[in-house]
């Protein structure tokens, strides 16, 4: 059983349930097509992180974005 883990920052309230469902459906279909496997057992996990908890080069994404303005 494939487990596909998607990690992304939570922006502007985060992704809607509908967006996450569409993402999971699309990734499941793509996985099934590429690997020629049934999509019925594919598990997709979506994790959203606050930009305060996501760091690049030792700086939070929140801080990076403030510096870019």
Protein backbone atom coordinates (compact mmCIF):
# COMPACT_ATOMS: atom_id res chain seq x y z
CA UNK A 1 0.00 0.00 0.00
CA UNK A 2 1.59 3.30 -1.05
CA UNK A 3 1.62 6.15 1.44
CA UNK A 4 2.13 9.55 -0.18
CA UNK A 5 2.99 12.34 2.24
CA UNK A 6 2.49 15.97 1.21
CA UNK A 7 3.92 18.67 3.48
CA UNK A 8 3.15 22.31 2.84
CA UNK A 9 2.99 25.62 4.64
CA UNK A 10 -0.37 26.78 5.90
CA UNK A 11 -0.96 30.10 4.17
CA UNK A 12 -3.92 32.47 4.41
CA UNK A 13 -5.97 30.07 6.52
CA UNK A 14 -4.61 26.95 4.82
CA UNK A 15 -5.94 24.79 2.06
CA UNK A 16 -9.67 24.14 1.97
CA UNK A 17 -11.06 20.63 2.34
CA UNK A 18 -12.03 20.80 -1.33
CA UNK A 19 -8.48 21.76 -2.38
CA UNK A 20 -6.99 18.92 -0.35
CA UNK A 21 -9.48 16.44 -1.80
CA UNK A 22 -8.62 17.58 -5.35
CA UNK A 23 -4.89 17.34 -4.59
CA UNK A 24 -5.26 13.84 -3.11
CA UNK A 25 -7.34 12.70 -6.08
CA UNK A 26 -4.88 14.09 -8.62
CA UNK A 27 -1.82 12.64 -6.90
CA UNK A 28 -3.51 9.27 -6.50
CA UNK A 29 -4.42 9.20 -10.20
CA UNK A 30 -0.88 10.20 -11.21
CA UNK A 31 0.67 7.55 -8.95
CA UNK A 32 -1.66 4.91 -10.38
CA UNK A 33 -0.84 5.93 -13.97
CA UNK A 34 2.94 6.08 -13.52
CA UNK A 35 3.30 2.87 -11.51
CA UNK A 36 0.41 0.98 -13.14
CA UNK A 37 -1.04 0.16 -9.72
CA UNK A 38 -4.54 0.31 -8.36
CA UNK A 39 -5.50 3.62 -6.82
CA UNK A 40 -7.89 1.98 -4.35
CA UNK A 41 -5.19 1.37 -1.73
CA UNK A 42 -3.22 4.62 -2.06
CA UNK A 43 -3.06 6.69 1.11
CA UNK A 44 -2.40 10.43 0.85
CA UNK A 45 -1.47 12.39 3.97
CA UNK A 46 -1.56 16.20 3.85
CA UNK A 47 0.30 18.02 6.60
CA UNK A 48 0.14 21.79 6.87
CA UNK A 49 2.71 23.72 8.86
CA UNK A 50 2.62 27.27 10.12
CA UNK A 51 5.27 29.39 8.41
CA UNK A 52 6.61 29.97 11.96
CA UNK A 53 7.48 26.25 12.07
CA UNK A 54 9.07 26.00 8.61
CA UNK A 55 12.70 27.07 8.33
CA UNK A 56 15.01 27.67 5.39
CA UNK A 57 18.65 28.45 6.06
CA UNK A 58 17.92 28.83 9.77
CA UNK A 59 15.20 31.49 9.27
CA UNK A 60 11.48 30.94 9.54
CA UNK A 61 9.48 31.40 6.36
CA UNK A 62 7.49 34.05 8.24
CA UNK A 63 10.68 36.06 8.84
CA UNK A 64 11.93 35.53 5.27
CA UNK A 65 8.67 36.80 3.83
CA UNK A 66 8.71 39.89 6.09
CA UNK A 67 12.25 40.67 4.96
CA UNK A 68 11.20 40.39 1.30
CA UNK A 69 8.49 43.05 1.60
